[in-house]
Amino acid sequence: MTYNVLWSSRDYGGAEIYVRKMKNLYDIDYIALDNLSIIGTIFLFFTLLNPKNTFIFHDVKASLLSIFRFFYFKDYFVVHGPGKRNNLLQKLFLIFSLYAKKVILVSDSIYLKIPSEKFRILENSSSLEVKCNYNSYDFVYFGRIEESKGVGKLCKKWSNLDNRTKLHIIGDGSILKTLKKRYENENSVIFHGAKTHEEIGCIIKECGFYVSCSPREGMSLSLLEAMSADLIPIVTDIASQNYIKSNINISLLDVDSDNANEIFTNNLKLTLIEKNLHHNNIKNHVRQNEGTSWEDFWKAIL
């Protein structure tokens, strides 16, 4: 048997989307560590010790369990983004690679240099099959509602804008209640809470832009899915998202300066013709970068 192991059981996040996609495509079970029962913990322990099983560990907390399997040399590790102590984590995954089949990086921006031949860059692709509203000036964010994702900064900057369009916030997290209490009386910010993939698609159909103030990302699956829906991405100026500016000619956010307000305002003033040019450029970029390497790689293994 093959198992995905991750820490979180949340609906949204890079690892969470990744394992659910593998479940849908290949019927691979996943184990979330943050809500394991006593019986589930016992099952996991014996499953880990079974040499017939293969494990795919996602990010640091789950990967630490690989110590129980270091003598099997048959498991995989997936690194979804740079951590707060990226140099230290790189050394840790270099140790894991000594007994791994492969360490998968979801973006070439996670490490400045690939540490060894055991590491492979394997970019994911979207599984969201909807299209946005080309005439809409509403913005949408979907993902984890955490300070580390810049959602608090996003709501603050949006509330300072003088506009009548909507910012749709989709997802759950530790600061959701705080943000709702602070901004729920503002008609321009709508908190939808956690939603299914299908429900997210229905909200995307009402929007024209995707926005994120996250200061750190590997290969954001939310961004990939937003672009597959032709949403215009307004995201932060970080290494993994530089292609938005260089390939599609869309300005990036510096959330610690005033340029965020300027970029929001400029996009809200785009004519429909200018806006549709952006949508078409995004569509062309997605089409040119479509590939089957992700599915082919995992299908060959699983």
C-alpha atoms as a PDB file:
ATOM      1  CA  MET A   1       0.000   0.000   0.000  1.00  0.00           C
ATOM      2  CA  THR A   2       1.010   3.613  -0.559  1.00  0.00           C
ATOM      3  CA  TYR A   3       0.155   6.358   1.932  1.00  0.00           C
ATOM      4  CA  ASN A   4       0.471  10.132   1.944  1.00  0.00           C
ATOM      5  CA  VAL A   5       1.328  11.572   5.362  1.00  0.00           C
ATOM      6  CA  LEU A   6       0.923  15.252   6.203  1.00  0.00           C
ATOM      7  CA  TRP A   7       0.413  17.244   9.356  1.00  0.00           C
ATOM      8  CA  SER A   8      -2.761  19.166   8.632  1.00  0.00           C
ATOM      9  CA  SER A   9      -6.324  18.013   8.012  1.00  0.00           C
ATOM     10  CA  ARG A  10      -7.438  21.464   6.801  1.00  0.00           C
ATOM     11  CA  ASP A  11      -9.284  21.865   3.526  1.00  0.00           C
ATOM     12  CA  TYR A  12      -6.767  24.272   2.005  1.00  0.00           C
ATOM     13  CA  GLY A  13      -3.005  24.535   1.804  1.00  0.00           C
ATOM     14  CA  GLY A  14      -0.351  23.252  -0.572  1.00  0.00           C
ATOM     15  CA  ALA A  15       0.093  19.821   0.998  1.00  0.00           C
ATOM     16  CA  GLU A  16      -3.635  19.439   1.626  1.00  0.00           C
ATOM     17  CA  ILE A  17      -4.563  20.074  -2.012  1.00  0.00           C
ATOM     18  CA  TYR A  18      -1.700  17.861  -3.174  1.00  0.00           C
ATOM     19  CA  VAL A  19      -2.797  14.774  -1.222  1.00  0.00           C
ATOM     20  CA  ARG A  20      -6.475  15.227  -2.073  1.00  0.00           C
ATOM     21  CA  LYS A  21      -5.581  15.409  -5.753  1.00  0.00           C
ATOM     22  CA  MET A  22      -3.609  12.160  -5.424  1.00  0.00           C
ATOM     23  CA  LYS A  23      -6.580  10.624  -3.622  1.00  0.00           C
ATOM     24  CA  ASN A  24      -8.913  11.609  -6.478  1.00  0.00           C
ATOM     25  CA  LEU A  25      -6.562  10.525  -9.268  1.00  0.00           C
ATOM     26  CA  TYR A  26      -4.972   7.409  -7.799  1.00  0.00           C
ATOM     27  CA  ASP A  27      -7.093   6.506  -4.756  1.00  0.00           C
ATOM     28  CA  ILE A  28      -4.079   6.946  -2.476  1.00  0.00           C
ATOM     29  CA  ASP A  29      -5.075   7.244   1.177  1.00  0.00           C
ATOM     30  CA  TYR A  30      -3.680  10.097   3.238  1.00  0.00           C
ATOM     31  CA  ILE A  31      -3.083  10.339   6.964  1.00  0.00           C
ATOM     32  CA  ALA A  32      -3.348  13.740   8.699  1.00  0.00           C
ATOM     33  CA  LEU A  33      -1.383  13.783  11.941  1.00  0.00           C
ATOM     34  CA  ASP A  34      -3.095  16.714  13.664  1.00  0.00           C
ATOM     35  CA  ASN A  35      -6.316  14.834  14.408  1.00  0.00           C
ATOM     36  CA  LEU A  36      -5.217  11.221  14.837  1.00  0.00           C
ATOM     37  CA  SER A  37      -7.082   9.205  17.444  1.00  0.00           C
ATOM     38  CA  ILE A  38      -5.299   6.721  19.719  1.00  0.00           C
ATOM     39  CA  ILE A  39      -6.392   3.880  17.436  1.00  0.00           C
ATOM     40  CA  GLY A  40      -5.247   5.855  14.403  1.00  0.00           C
ATOM     41  CA  THR A  41      -1.836   6.449  16.003  1.00  0.00           C
ATOM     42  CA  ILE A  42      -1.409   2.733  16.701  1.00  0.00           C
ATOM     43  CA  PHE A  43      -2.440   1.915  13.125  1.00  0.00           C
ATOM     44  CA  LEU A  44       0.050   4.453  11.773  1.00  0.00           C
ATOM     45  CA  PHE A  45       2.895   3.031  13.873  1.00  0.00           C
ATOM     46  CA  PHE A  46       2.405  -0.528  12.622  1.00  0.00           C
ATOM     47  CA  THR A  47       1.855   0.729   9.065  1.00  0.00           C
ATOM     48  CA  LEU A  48       5.157   2.588   9.216  1.00  0.00           C
ATOM     49  CA  LEU A  49       6.995  -0.574  10.261  1.00  0.00           C
ATOM     50  CA  ASN A  50       5.544  -2.656   7.411  1.00  0.00           C
ATOM     51  CA  PRO A  51       8.232  -2.964   4.686  1.00  0.00           C
ATOM     52  CA  LYS A  52       5.571  -3.640   2.037  1.00  0.00           C
ATOM     53  CA  ASN A  53       4.194  -0.101   2.359  1.00  0.00           C
ATOM     54  CA  THR A  54       5.449   3.028   0.615  1.00  0.00           C
ATOM     55  CA  PHE A  55       5.110   6.462   2.175  1.00  0.00           C
ATOM     56  CA  ILE A  56       5.051   9.967   0.729  1.00  0.00           C
ATOM     57  CA  PHE A  57       5.905  12.424   3.508  1.00  0.00           C
ATOM     58  CA  HIS A  58       4.855  16.067   3.106  1.00  0.00           C
ATOM     59  CA  ASP A  59       6.903  18.849   4.686  1.00  0.00           C
ATOM     60  CA  VAL A  60       8.832  18.774   7.953  1.00  0.00           C
ATOM     61  CA  LYS A  61       6.537  17.528  10.714  1.00  0.00           C
ATOM     62  CA  ALA A  62       5.331  14.517   8.762  1.00  0.00           C
ATOM     63  CA  SER A  63       8.820  13.794   7.394  1.00  0.00           C
ATOM     64  CA  LEU A  64      10.202  13.332  10.901  1.00  0.00           C
ATOM     65  CA  LEU A  65       8.248  10.059  11.061  1.00  0.00           C
ATOM     66  CA  SER A  66      10.522   8.693   8.349  1.00  0.00           C
ATOM     67  CA  ILE A  67      13.057   7.884  11.066  1.00  0.00           C
ATOM     68  CA  PHE A  68      11.050   4.695  11.648  1.00  0.00           C
ATOM     69  CA  ARG A  69      11.680   3.682   8.015  1.00  0.00           C
ATOM     70  CA  PHE A  70      15.235   4.844   7.279  1.00  0.00           C
ATOM     71  CA  PHE A  71      16.312   1.241   6.567  1.00  0.00           C
ATOM     72  CA  TYR A  72      13.743   0.634   3.779  1.00  0.00           C
ATOM     73  CA  PHE A  73      15.044   3.171   1.190  1.00  0.00           C
ATOM     74  CA  LYS A  74      11.695   3.294  -0.653  1.00  0.00           C
ATOM     75  CA  ASP A  75       9.871   6.455   0.449  1.00  0.00           C
ATOM     76  CA  TYR A  76       9.355   9.921  -1.032  1.00  0.00           C
ATOM     77  CA  PHE A  77       9.407  13.406   0.481  1.00  0.00           C
ATOM     78  CA  VAL A  78       7.578  16.459  -0.885  1.00  0.00           C
ATOM     79  CA  VAL A  79       8.742  19.973   0.045  1.00  0.00           C
ATOM     80  CA  HIS A  80       5.940  22.456  -0.618  1.00  0.00           C
ATOM     81  CA  GLY A  81       7.710  25.717   0.120  1.00  0.00           C
ATOM     82  CA  PRO A  82      10.608  27.491   1.795  1.00  0.00           C
ATOM     83  CA  GLY A  83      10.370  27.505   5.576  1.00  0.00           C
ATOM     84  CA  LYS A  84      11.221  30.245   8.048  1.00  0.00           C
ATOM     85  CA  ARG A  85      14.647  28.616   8.555  1.00  0.00           C
ATOM     86  CA  ASN A  86      15.169  27.462   5.016  1.00  0.00           C
ATOM     87  CA  ASN A  87      18.908  26.758   5.286  1.00  0.00           C
ATOM     88  CA  LEU A  88      18.375  24.517   8.301  1.00  0.00           C
ATOM     89  CA  LEU A  89      15.463  22.725   6.651  1.00  0.00           C
ATOM     90  CA  GLN A  90      17.501  22.175   3.506  1.00  0.00           C
ATOM     91  CA  LYS A  91      20.138  20.381   5.580  1.00  0.00           C
ATOM     92  CA  LEU A  92      17.431  18.304   7.239  1.00  0.00           C
ATOM     93  CA  PHE A  93      15.975  17.189   3.906  1.00  0.00           C
ATOM     94  CA  LEU A  94      19.487  16.453   2.679  1.00  0.00           C
ATOM     95  CA  ILE A  95      19.697  13.940   5.541  1.00  0.00           C
ATOM     96  CA  PHE A  96      16.289  12.523   4.597  1.00  0.00           C
ATOM     97  CA  SER A  97      17.500  12.163   1.000  1.00  0.00           C
ATOM     98  CA  LEU A  98      20.149   9.655   2.134  1.00  0.00           C
ATOM     99  CA  TYR A  99      17.422   7.041   2.579  1.00  0.00           C
ATOM    100  CA  ALA A 100      14.749   8.438   0.229  1.00  0.00           C
ATOM    101  CA  LYS A 101      13.897   7.380  -3.298  1.00  0.00           C
ATOM    102  CA  LYS A 102      13.343  11.041  -4.187  1.00  0.00           C
ATOM    103  CA  VAL A 103      12.817  14.417  -2.532  1.00  0.00           C
ATOM    104  CA  ILE A 104      10.287  16.366  -4.600  1.00  0.00           C
ATOM    105  CA  LEU A 105      10.426  20.169  -4.726  1.00  0.00           C
ATOM    106  CA  VAL A 106       7.250  21.772  -6.038  1.00  0.00           C
ATOM    107  CA  SER A 107       9.192  24.800  -7.340  1.00  0.00           C
ATOM    108  CA  ASP A 108      12.747  25.632  -8.420  1.00  0.00           C
ATOM    109  CA  SER A 109      12.621  28.695  -6.147  1.00  0.00           C
ATOM    110  CA  ILE A 110      12.580  26.718  -2.879  1.00  0.00           C
ATOM    111  CA  TYR A 111      16.354  26.179  -2.865  1.00  0.00           C
ATOM    112  CA  LEU A 112      18.966  28.314  -4.587  1.00  0.00           C
ATOM    113  CA  LYS A 113      20.798  25.152  -5.627  1.00  0.00           C
ATOM    114  CA  ILE A 114      19.614  21.549  -5.914  1.00  0.00           C
ATOM    115  CA  PRO A 115      21.534  19.750  -3.142  1.00  0.00           C
ATOM    116  CA  SER A 116      21.921  16.339  -4.815  1.00  0.00           C
ATOM    117  CA  GLU A 117      20.621  14.090  -7.580  1.00  0.00           C
ATOM    118  CA  LYS A 118      18.067  12.702  -5.119  1.00  0.00           C
ATOM    119  CA  PHE A 119      16.153  15.993  -5.421  1.00  0.00           C
ATOM    120  CA  ARG A 120      13.730  16.610  -8.271  1.00  0.00           C
ATOM    121  CA  ILE A 121      11.658  19.645  -9.213  1.00  0.00           C
ATOM    122  CA  LEU A 122       8.122  18.577 -10.072  1.00  0.00           C
ATOM    123  CA  GLU A 123       5.655  21.416 -10.530  1.00  0.00           C
ATOM    124  CA  ASN A 124       2.014  20.677  -9.918  1.00  0.00           C
ATOM    125  CA  SER A 125      -0.911  21.704 -12.106  1.00  0.00           C
ATOM    126  CA  SER A 126      -4.442  22.888 -11.430  1.00  0.00           C
ATOM    127  CA  SER A 127      -7.416  20.577 -11.068  1.00  0.00           C
ATOM    128  CA  LEU A 128      -9.976  23.397 -10.961  1.00  0.00           C
ATOM    129  CA  GLU A 129     -12.200  23.463 -14.044  1.00  0.00           C
ATOM    130  CA  VAL A 130     -14.024  26.798 -13.991  1.00  0.00           C
ATOM    131  CA  LYS A 131     -13.584  30.190 -15.641  1.00  0.00           C
ATOM    132  CA  CYS A 132     -13.817  33.587 -14.032  1.00  0.00           C
ATOM    133  CA  ASN A 133     -16.120  36.474 -14.950  1.00  0.00           C
ATOM    134  CA  TYR A 134     -14.188  38.621 -17.445  1.00  0.00           C
ATOM    135  CA  ASN A 135     -16.428  41.606 -16.695  1.00  0.00           C
ATOM    136  CA  SER A 136     -16.075  41.458 -12.917  1.00  0.00           C
ATOM    137  CA  TYR A 137     -13.833  43.665 -10.785  1.00  0.00           C
ATOM    138  CA  ASP A 138     -14.292  41.552  -7.647  1.00  0.00           C
ATOM    139  CA  PHE A 139     -11.188  40.021  -6.053  1.00  0.00           C
ATOM    140  CA  VAL A 140     -10.901  36.588  -4.437  1.00  0.00           C
ATOM    141  CA  TYR A 141      -8.391  34.980  -2.070  1.00  0.00           C
ATOM    142  CA  PHE A 142      -8.599  31.287  -1.260  1.00  0.00           C
ATOM    143  CA  GLY A 143      -6.238  29.497   1.069  1.00  0.00           C
ATOM    144  CA  ARG A 144      -5.305  29.372   4.737  1.00  0.00           C
ATOM    145  CA  ILE A 145      -6.430  32.332   6.843  1.00  0.00           C
ATOM    146  CA  GLU A 146      -3.181  32.931   8.729  1.00  0.00           C
ATOM    147  CA  GLU A 147      -0.862  35.847   9.456  1.00  0.00           C
ATOM    148  CA  SER A 148       1.909  33.872   7.729  1.00  0.00           C
ATOM    149  CA  LYS A 149      -0.156  34.110   4.520  1.00  0.00           C
ATOM    150  CA  GLY A 150      -0.575  37.873   4.821  1.00  0.00           C
ATOM    151  CA  VAL A 151      -4.379  37.721   5.013  1.00  0.00           C
ATOM    152  CA  GLY A 152      -4.508  40.310   7.801  1.00  0.00           C
ATOM    153  CA  LYS A 153      -2.462  42.753   5.708  1.00  0.00           C
ATOM    154  CA  LEU A 154      -4.653  42.056   2.698  1.00  0.00           C
ATOM    155  CA  CYS A 155      -7.869  42.889   4.571  1.00  0.00           C
ATOM    156  CA  LYS A 156      -6.341  46.038   6.080  1.00  0.00           C
ATOM    157  CA  LYS A 157      -5.135  47.364   2.741  1.00  0.00           C
ATOM    158  CA  TRP A 158      -8.415  46.505   1.024  1.00  0.00           C
ATOM    159  CA  SER A 159     -10.459  48.273   3.701  1.00  0.00           C
ATOM    160  CA  ASN A 160      -8.451  51.457   3.046  1.00  0.00           C
ATOM    161  CA  LEU A 161      -9.475  51.521  -0.620  1.00  0.00           C
ATOM    162  CA  ASP A 162     -12.316  53.703  -1.793  1.00  0.00           C
ATOM    163  CA  ASN A 163     -14.164  51.277  -4.054  1.00  0.00           C
ATOM    164  CA  ARG A 164     -17.420  49.409  -4.395  1.00  0.00           C
ATOM    165  CA  THR A 165     -16.045  46.071  -5.510  1.00  0.00           C
ATOM    166  CA  LYS A 166     -15.848  42.997  -3.285  1.00  0.00           C
ATOM    167  CA  LEU A 167     -12.985  41.058  -1.760  1.00  0.00           C
ATOM    168  CA  HIS A 168     -14.026  37.426  -1.272  1.00  0.00           C
ATOM    169  CA  ILE A 169     -12.035  35.548   1.390  1.00  0.00           C
ATOM    170  CA  ILE A 170     -12.356  31.740   1.199  1.00  0.00           C
ATOM    171  CA  GLY A 171     -10.820  29.373   3.710  1.00  0.00           C
ATOM    172  CA  ASP A 172     -10.311  28.735   7.403  1.00  0.00           C
ATOM    173  CA  GLY A 173      -7.534  29.438   9.856  1.00  0.00           C
ATOM    174  CA  SER A 174      -6.472  30.792  13.220  1.00  0.00           C
ATOM    175  CA  ILE A 175      -7.220  34.480  12.476  1.00  0.00           C
ATOM    176  CA  LEU A 176     -10.537  34.018  10.651  1.00  0.00           C
ATOM    177  CA  LYS A 177     -12.697  34.932  13.666  1.00  0.00           C
ATOM    178  CA  THR A 178     -10.561  37.996  14.428  1.00  0.00           C
ATOM    179  CA  LEU A 179     -10.749  39.254  10.849  1.00  0.00           C
ATOM    180  CA  LYS A 180     -14.503  38.637  10.612  1.00  0.00           C
ATOM    181  CA  LYS A 181     -15.088  40.566  13.822  1.00  0.00           C
ATOM    182  CA  ARG A 182     -13.033  43.478  12.548  1.00  0.00           C
ATOM    183  CA  TYR A 183     -14.167  43.637   8.915  1.00  0.00           C
ATOM    184  CA  GLU A 184     -17.531  41.841   8.657  1.00  0.00           C
ATOM    185  CA  ASN A 185     -19.468  45.122   8.830  1.00  0.00           C
ATOM    186  CA  GLU A 186     -17.621  46.392   5.759  1.00  0.00           C
ATOM    187  CA  ASN A 187     -19.647  45.537   2.687  1.00  0.00           C
ATOM    188  CA  SER A 188     -16.506  45.257   0.565  1.00  0.00           C
ATOM    189  CA  VAL A 189     -15.036  42.225   2.430  1.00  0.00           C
ATOM    190  CA  ILE A 190     -16.942  38.933   2.402  1.00  0.00           C
ATOM    191  CA  PHE A 191     -15.778  35.935   4.467  1.00  0.00           C
ATOM    192  CA  HIS A 192     -17.079  32.676   3.027  1.00  0.00           C
ATOM    193  CA  GLY A 193     -15.287  30.260   5.367  1.00  0.00           C
ATOM    194  CA  ALA A 194     -14.066  26.853   4.229  1.00  0.00           C
ATOM    195  CA  LYS A 195     -15.592  25.672   0.952  1.00  0.00           C
ATOM    196  CA  THR A 196     -15.397  22.616  -1.265  1.00  0.00           C
ATOM    197  CA  HIS A 197     -13.642  22.758  -4.640  1.00  0.00           C
ATOM    198  CA  GLU A 198     -17.023  23.002  -6.353  1.00  0.00           C
ATOM    199  CA  GLU A 199     -18.181  25.830  -4.079  1.00  0.00           C
ATOM    200  CA  ILE A 200     -14.948  27.737  -4.656  1.00  0.00           C
ATOM    201  CA  GLY A 201     -15.582  27.416  -8.382  1.00  0.00           C
ATOM    202  CA  CYS A 202     -19.001  29.038  -7.988  1.00  0.00           C
ATOM    203  CA  ILE A 203     -17.445  32.050  -6.216  1.00  0.00           C
ATOM    204  CA  ILE A 204     -14.653  32.329  -8.813  1.00  0.00           C
ATOM    205  CA  LYS A 205     -17.333  32.681 -11.488  1.00  0.00           C
ATOM    206  CA  GLU A 206     -18.274  35.994  -9.840  1.00  0.00           C
ATOM    207  CA  CYS A 207     -14.711  37.390  -9.741  1.00  0.00           C
ATOM    208  CA  GLY A 208     -12.116  38.787 -12.125  1.00  0.00           C
ATOM    209  CA  PHE A 209      -8.974  38.922  -9.947  1.00  0.00           C
ATOM    210  CA  TYR A 210      -7.063  36.649  -7.563  1.00  0.00           C
ATOM    211  CA  VAL A 211      -5.097  38.346  -4.784  1.00  0.00           C
ATOM    212  CA  SER A 212      -2.591  37.179  -2.184  1.00  0.00           C
ATOM    213  CA  CYS A 213      -0.263  39.076   0.156  1.00  0.00           C
ATOM    214  CA  SER A 214       1.637  35.944   1.217  1.00  0.00           C
ATOM    215  CA  PRO A 215       5.319  36.807   1.829  1.00  0.00           C
ATOM    216  CA  ARG A 216       6.589  33.259   1.260  1.00  0.00           C
ATOM    217  CA  GLU A 217       5.506  30.608  -1.245  1.00  0.00           C
ATOM    218  CA  GLY A 218       7.002  27.657  -3.077  1.00  0.00           C
ATOM    219  CA  MET A 219       4.656  26.942  -5.948  1.00  0.00           C
ATOM    220  CA  SER A 220       1.299  28.219  -4.752  1.00  0.00           C
ATOM    221  CA  LEU A 221      -1.464  25.819  -5.797  1.00  0.00           C
ATOM    222  CA  SER A 222      -4.051  28.516  -5.124  1.00  0.00           C
ATOM    223  CA  LEU A 223      -2.262  30.756  -7.619  1.00  0.00           C
ATOM    224  CA  LEU A 224      -2.049  27.946 -10.196  1.00  0.00           C
ATOM    225  CA  GLU A 225      -5.752  27.212  -9.839  1.00  0.00           C
ATOM    226  CA  ALA A 226      -6.613  30.916 -10.012  1.00  0.00           C
ATOM    227  CA  MET A 227      -4.679  31.307 -13.253  1.00  0.00           C
ATOM    228  CA  SER A 228      -6.256  28.183 -14.723  1.00  0.00           C
ATOM    229  CA  ALA A 229      -9.586  29.972 -14.189  1.00  0.00           C
ATOM    230  CA  ASP A 230      -8.140  33.032 -16.053  1.00  0.00           C
ATOM    231  CA  LEU A 231      -8.257  35.190 -12.915  1.00  0.00           C
ATOM    232  CA  ILE A 232      -5.818  38.110 -13.068  1.00  0.00           C
ATOM    233  CA  PRO A 233      -3.250  37.442 -10.303  1.00  0.00           C
ATOM    234  CA  ILE A 234      -2.278  40.298  -7.983  1.00  0.00           C
ATOM    235  CA  VAL A 235       0.380  38.673  -5.796  1.00  0.00           C
ATOM    236  CA  THR A 236       3.558  39.447  -3.888  1.00  0.00           C
ATOM    237  CA  ASP A 237       6.978  40.191  -5.338  1.00  0.00           C
ATOM    238  CA  ILE A 238       8.789  36.994  -4.351  1.00  0.00           C
ATOM    239  CA  ALA A 239      11.063  34.693  -6.337  1.00  0.00           C
ATOM    240  CA  SER A 240       8.504  31.964  -7.088  1.00  0.00           C
ATOM    241  CA  GLN A 241       6.060  34.528  -8.530  1.00  0.00           C
ATOM    242  CA  ASN A 242       8.408  36.712 -10.595  1.00  0.00           C
ATOM    243  CA  TYR A 243       7.130  35.094 -13.788  1.00  0.00           C
ATOM    244  CA  ILE A 244       3.843  36.952 -13.270  1.00  0.00           C
ATOM    245  CA  LYS A 245       5.709  40.185 -13.977  1.00  0.00           C
ATOM    246  CA  SER A 246       8.258  38.971 -16.529  1.00  0.00           C
ATOM    247  CA  ASN A 247       5.996  36.684 -18.597  1.00  0.00           C
ATOM    248  CA  ILE A 248       2.562  38.261 -18.219  1.00  0.00           C
ATOM    249  CA  ASN A 249       3.514  41.883 -17.459  1.00  0.00           C
ATOM    250  CA  ILE A 250       1.403  42.207 -14.320  1.00  0.00           C
ATOM    251  CA  SER A 251       2.791  44.290 -11.437  1.00  0.00           C
ATOM    252  CA  LEU A 252       3.669  42.553  -8.172  1.00  0.00           C
ATOM    253  CA  LEU A 253       2.855  43.682  -4.638  1.00  0.00           C
ATOM    254  CA  ASP A 254       5.277  44.966  -2.046  1.00  0.00           C
ATOM    255  CA  VAL A 255       2.977  44.607   0.939  1.00  0.00           C
ATOM    256  CA  ASP A 256       5.254  46.633   3.212  1.00  0.00           C
ATOM    257  CA  SER A 257       5.046  49.734   1.011  1.00  0.00           C
ATOM    258  CA  ASP A 258       2.319  51.911  -0.490  1.00  0.00           C
ATOM    259  CA  ASN A 259       2.597  50.241  -3.903  1.00  0.00           C
ATOM    260  CA  ALA A 260      -0.044  47.673  -2.926  1.00  0.00           C
ATOM    261  CA  ASN A 261      -2.753  50.349  -2.716  1.00  0.00           C
ATOM    262  CA  GLU A 262      -1.568  51.804  -6.022  1.00  0.00           C
ATOM    263  CA  ILE A 263      -1.674  48.412  -7.777  1.00  0.00           C
ATOM    264  CA  PHE A 264      -5.130  47.640  -6.392  1.00  0.00           C
ATOM    265  CA  THR A 265      -6.418  51.044  -7.517  1.00  0.00           C
ATOM    266  CA  ASN A 266      -4.851  50.800 -10.986  1.00  0.00           C
ATOM    267  CA  ASN A 267      -6.393  47.382 -11.619  1.00  0.00           C
ATOM    268  CA  LEU A 268      -9.790  48.575 -10.455  1.00  0.00           C
ATOM    269  CA  LYS A 269      -9.550  51.331 -13.086  1.00  0.00           C
ATOM    270  CA  LEU A 270      -8.684  49.027 -15.994  1.00  0.00           C
ATOM    271  CA  THR A 271     -11.027  49.281 -18.961  1.00  0.00           C
ATOM    272  CA  LEU A 272     -12.734  46.067 -20.018  1.00  0.00           C
ATOM    273  CA  ILE A 273     -10.518  45.947 -23.115  1.00  0.00           C
ATOM    274  CA  GLU A 274      -7.328  46.259 -21.014  1.00  0.00           C
ATOM    275  CA  LYS A 275      -8.684  43.713 -18.565  1.00  0.00           C
ATOM    276  CA  ASN A 276      -9.522  41.196 -21.265  1.00  0.00           C
ATOM    277  CA  LEU A 277      -5.976  41.522 -22.644  1.00  0.00           C
ATOM    278  CA  HIS A 278      -4.673  40.439 -19.235  1.00  0.00           C
ATOM    279  CA  HIS A 279      -7.116  37.525 -19.132  1.00  0.00           C
ATOM    280  CA  ASN A 280      -6.027  36.385 -22.599  1.00  0.00           C
ATOM    281  CA  ASN A 281      -2.321  36.665 -21.704  1.00  0.00           C
ATOM    282  CA  ILE A 282      -2.920  34.509 -18.640  1.00  0.00           C
ATOM    283  CA  LYS A 283      -4.841  31.961 -20.702  1.00  0.00           C
ATOM    284  CA  ASN A 284      -1.992  31.768 -23.226  1.00  0.00           C
ATOM    285  CA  HIS A 285       0.624  31.434 -20.468  1.00  0.00           C
ATOM    286  CA  VAL A 286      -1.281  28.583 -18.824  1.00  0.00           C
ATOM    287  CA  ARG A 287      -1.750  26.814 -22.177  1.00  0.00           C
ATOM    288  CA  GLN A 288       1.955  27.123 -23.055  1.00  0.00           C
ATOM    289  CA  ASN A 289       3.034  25.745 -19.688  1.00  0.00           C
ATOM    290  CA  GLU A 290       0.595  22.880 -19.488  1.00  0.00           C
ATOM    291  CA  GLY A 291       2.207  19.487 -19.155  1.00  0.00           C
ATOM    292  CA  THR A 292       1.604  15.975 -17.899  1.00  0.00           C
ATOM    293  CA  SER A 293       4.923  15.427 -16.103  1.00  0.00           C
ATOM    294  CA  TRP A 294       3.309  15.609 -12.646  1.00  0.00           C
ATOM    295  CA  GLU A 295       0.689  12.985 -13.396  1.00  0.00           C
ATOM    296  CA  ASP A 296       3.112  10.862 -15.416  1.00  0.00           C
ATOM    297  CA  PHE A 297       5.678  10.864 -12.608  1.00  0.00           C
ATOM    298  CA  TRP A 298       3.284   9.772  -9.871  1.00  0.00           C
ATOM    299  CA  LYS A 299       1.399   7.367 -12.116  1.00  0.00           C
ATOM    300  CA  ALA A 300       4.659   5.566 -12.930  1.00  0.00           C
ATOM    301  CA  ILE A 301       5.394   5.179  -9.223  1.00  0.00           C
ATOM    302  CA  LEU A 302       1.947   4.400  -7.920  1.00  0.00           C
END
